[in-house]
Structures are given as structure tokens and as C-alpha cells.
Protein backbone atom coordinates (compact mmCIF):
# COMPACT_ATOMS: atom_id res chain seq x y z
CA MET A 1 -19.55 38.10 22.16
CA ASN A 2 -17.32 36.69 18.93
CA PHE A 3 -14.85 36.58 21.99
CA PHE A 4 -17.06 34.51 24.44
CA CYS A 5 -18.01 32.30 21.20
CA PHE A 6 -14.23 31.72 20.48
CA ALA A 7 -13.28 30.82 24.27
CA LEU A 8 -15.81 28.59 24.42
CA ILE A 9 -14.94 26.94 20.59
CA SER A 10 -11.57 26.51 22.23
CA ILE A 11 -12.40 24.81 25.58
CA LEU A 12 -14.40 22.34 24.12
CA LEU A 13 -12.11 21.98 20.78
CA PHE A 14 -9.21 21.32 23.83
CA HIS A 15 -11.34 19.20 25.86
CA SER A 16 -11.93 17.02 23.23
CA SER A 17 -8.19 16.58 21.75
CA CYS A 18 -7.46 15.35 25.63
CA ASN A 19 -10.01 13.10 25.73
CA ASP A 20 -8.93 11.64 22.65
CA TYR A 21 -5.11 11.34 23.88
CA LEU A 22 -6.25 10.16 26.95
CA LEU A 23 -8.75 7.43 25.47
CA SER A 24 -5.43 6.73 22.87
CA SER A 25 -3.44 5.76 25.54
CA ASN A 26 -5.35 4.45 28.07
CA GLN A 27 -5.11 0.56 26.19
CA LYS A 28 -3.18 -2.86 27.06
CA LEU A 29 -1.04 -3.43 24.07
CA GLU A 30 -0.07 -7.45 23.87
CA VAL A 31 2.83 -7.87 21.06
CA VAL A 32 2.98 -11.43 19.35
CA SER A 33 5.30 -12.67 17.08
CA VAL A 34 5.17 -15.89 14.95
CA LYS A 35 7.82 -17.14 12.73
CA TRP A 36 6.36 -17.68 8.84
CA LYS A 37 7.76 -20.76 7.12
CA PHE A 38 6.60 -20.11 3.30
CA SER A 39 5.32 -23.31 1.60
CA LEU A 40 2.70 -24.37 -0.95
CA GLU A 41 1.09 -26.51 1.29
CA PRO A 42 -1.83 -25.39 3.68
CA LEU A 43 -1.22 -23.74 6.37
CA THR A 44 -0.59 -25.39 9.62
CA VAL A 45 -0.20 -22.98 12.22
CA GLN A 46 2.04 -24.75 16.07
CA ASP A 47 -0.41 -25.53 19.05
CA SER A 48 0.82 -23.35 21.57
CA SER A 49 -2.48 -23.25 23.65
CA ASN A 50 -0.05 -25.14 26.37
CA LEU A 51 1.76 -21.99 27.25
CA PRO A 52 1.10 -20.45 30.90
CA ASN A 53 -0.72 -17.45 31.08
CA ASN A 54 -2.68 -17.32 27.44
CA PHE A 55 0.31 -16.38 25.78
CA GLY A 56 0.73 -17.88 22.23
CA LEU A 57 -1.70 -18.22 19.30
CA THR A 58 -5.58 -18.28 19.89
CA ASN A 59 -8.01 -20.41 16.92
CA GLU A 60 -8.93 -16.72 15.74
CA ASP A 61 -5.36 -16.11 15.30
CA ALA A 62 -4.87 -18.99 13.42
CA ALA A 63 -8.39 -18.22 11.29
CA ASN A 64 -7.40 -15.09 10.85
CA LEU A 65 -4.15 -16.41 9.14
CA LYS A 66 -5.37 -18.68 7.17
CA SER A 67 -7.96 -16.02 5.86
CA LEU A 68 -5.41 -13.96 4.80
CA GLY A 69 -4.44 -16.45 2.23
CA LEU A 70 -0.99 -17.46 3.73
CA THR A 71 0.25 -21.44 3.03
CA GLY A 72 3.12 -22.75 4.94
CA GLN A 73 3.99 -23.22 8.33
CA ILE A 74 3.35 -20.73 11.54
CA ALA A 75 4.46 -21.32 14.57
CA PHE A 76 4.76 -19.17 17.94
CA ALA A 77 7.74 -17.02 18.78
CA GLY A 78 6.96 -14.73 21.34
CA SER A 79 4.96 -12.64 23.32
CA SER A 80 5.43 -8.88 25.18
CA GLY A 81 2.87 -9.24 27.72
CA VAL A 82 0.33 -6.80 28.04
CA VAL A 83 1.82 -3.16 28.18
CA SER A 84 -0.13 -0.15 29.71
CA LEU A 85 0.67 2.61 31.50
CA ASP A 86 -0.32 2.09 35.12
CA ASN A 87 -1.48 -0.82 35.22
CA SER A 88 -4.96 0.71 35.20
CA GLU A 89 -8.46 -1.13 32.86
CA GLY A 90 -8.20 0.00 28.69
CA LYS A 91 -8.96 -1.05 26.36
CA PRO A 92 -7.20 -4.18 24.93
CA ALA A 93 -4.98 -3.66 21.87
CA ARG A 94 -2.93 -6.95 20.41
CA VAL A 95 -0.35 -6.78 17.49
CA LEU A 96 0.66 -10.01 15.82
CA ILE A 97 3.52 -9.89 13.84
CA VAL A 98 4.32 -12.62 11.51
CA MET A 99 8.49 -12.85 10.02
CA GLN A 100 9.60 -14.96 7.50
CA HIS A 101 13.45 -13.41 8.09
CA GLN A 102 15.75 -11.62 9.84
CA LEU A 103 15.42 -7.74 9.33
CA LYS A 104 17.35 -5.67 6.83
CA GLU A 105 17.07 -2.79 8.19
CA SER A 106 15.05 -1.43 11.42
CA ILE A 107 11.40 -1.08 10.53
CA LYS A 108 8.48 0.96 12.98
CA LEU A 109 5.17 -0.42 12.47
CA LYS A 110 1.42 1.76 13.84
CA GLN A 111 0.41 0.78 17.52
CA PRO A 112 -3.16 -0.85 16.80
CA ASN A 113 -5.83 2.19 18.55
CA GLY A 114 -8.21 -0.29 20.61
CA VAL A 115 -8.25 -3.48 18.32
CA ASP A 116 -6.37 -6.08 16.77
CA LEU A 117 -4.19 -6.04 14.02
CA ILE A 118 -1.66 -8.14 11.37
CA TYR A 119 1.54 -7.19 10.23
CA VAL A 120 2.89 -10.07 8.05
CA GLN A 121 6.56 -9.51 6.51
CA ASN A 122 6.83 -10.52 2.78
CA GLU A 123 9.11 -9.95 -0.05
CA ASP A 124 8.05 -6.33 -1.03
CA GLY A 125 8.12 -4.86 3.12
CA TRP A 126 5.46 -5.01 5.21
CA LYS A 127 1.31 -5.41 4.94
CA MET A 128 -0.95 -4.87 7.75
CA TYR A 129 -4.02 -5.98 7.86
CA PRO A 130 -6.94 -4.57 8.13
CA SER A 131 -5.28 -2.24 6.07
CA ASN A 132 -8.43 0.43 7.46
CA ALA A 133 -7.72 -0.94 11.45
CA PRO A 134 -7.13 2.55 13.63
CA THR A 135 -3.94 3.25 14.67
CA LEU A 136 -1.95 5.66 16.89
CA GLU A 137 1.17 7.72 15.95
CA ARG A 138 2.94 5.55 18.50
CA THR A 139 5.07 3.16 17.36
CA ILE A 140 6.93 -0.52 17.34
CA HIS A 141 9.98 -0.40 16.51
CA LEU A 142 11.98 -3.69 15.26
CA TRP A 143 15.79 -3.85 14.22
CA ALA A 144 18.49 -6.10 14.30
CA ASP A 145 20.34 -7.27 17.42
CA GLU A 146 23.24 -5.08 17.27
CA LYS A 147 25.78 -7.21 19.01
CA ASN A 148 24.15 -10.39 16.96
CA PRO A 149 22.12 -9.30 14.17
CA THR A 150 21.55 -13.24 12.77
CA TRP A 151 20.86 -14.36 15.91
CA ALA A 152 18.37 -12.12 17.30
CA THR A 153 15.09 -9.51 16.36
CA ARG A 154 14.88 -6.89 18.83
CA TYR A 155 11.97 -4.38 19.53
CA SER A 156 10.73 -1.86 21.91
CA ILE A 157 6.95 -0.41 22.50
CA GLU A 158 6.70 3.34 22.30
CA ARG A 159 4.58 3.83 25.67
CA PRO A 160 1.88 7.29 26.20
CA ASP A 161 4.14 8.62 28.72
CA ASN A 162 7.23 8.06 26.03
CA THR A 163 9.06 5.40 27.53
CA LEU A 164 10.23 2.59 26.16
CA GLN A 165 9.30 -0.99 26.82
CA GLY A 166 10.48 -4.20 24.78
CA GLY A 167 13.24 -6.76 24.39
CA THR A 168 13.61 -10.14 22.49
CA LEU A 169 10.72 -10.15 19.99
CA PHE A 170 12.68 -13.03 18.22
CA THR A 171 16.08 -15.32 18.25
CA TRP A 172 16.89 -16.93 14.69
């Protein structure tokens, strides 16, 4: 009887962990980047509603950035489009990356787990909002372009199948 109970529990735990993996890998991730120019003036957000395919910043993005207490100017820089494993339907997830300046060293930011979150670059490093948002072990890797480090910030998104997708996130 003990062996049967052990086997049943093992199967249930394995099934549960497989389901957790499948659920966490079945998401559609969009990474949106914005440039932040700090000033003491109230935050203004560049209107990007005229961009095709709903890329750009939403009214909700602007409200969220203001609620963080940011001041100065925000300008849309780019979007990854939607990254998914197999173009199937998945839970939506979105990351808004707010940068003030080119990176001094590369950084790996955790991907959200089916939620929206914001990463803000500040003098002390990076802050994630909300700080308790569920994340995955997969990352979004940012680094200064090797050939022209003052010109561009590059990125790669780790996909569920361990491949990478990326390109240029910012041009300075």
C-alpha cells in the first residue's frame, strides 16, 4: 500500500509540475520600451496612438507611470511585438521597460508570469512594479550594442523552448 501511495503522489506531483510549466510557457509576451527624461516637471507622456498594430503606450501605461511618481518626459522607443512559443492563444503578459540612459553593464530582467509589469531604470539600478508580481525564471536580457555601445541597447527574450528572440530595444 505504501508503494501505491508513493507512486500516486509522485504521478500527481509530476502532473502538477507539468501543468505549471505548460501554463507558464503558454503566454504571449510583449515588451515595450520607453525613454525617460527626468525633470521636476509633472510627467508628460508622448502620444503614440497613431502607431500601427496598437504598438506604443496606452492610456493605462501613462496612468501607471504617473502613479509611480515619475516626473519629466516619457517617449515611446519600441516594441518587441508579441512573443509566443507556437502562435497559439496564451495568457497575455506585457513588460514596460523605462530607461534613462545607456546601460553600463548587461542586465537580465525576469519575465512576468501572465501579468503586466514595469521595470524602471534609476540611479540605484532597476525597480520592478508591482514588486510582488509573479515572474518566471525566463529572462529579458538587455545589453549595450557591442559594435556601437553609445548608439543602441540590444535585447533578447528567452522563449519557453530555450531559444532567443531579440533585436534593438533603444537607439540613443
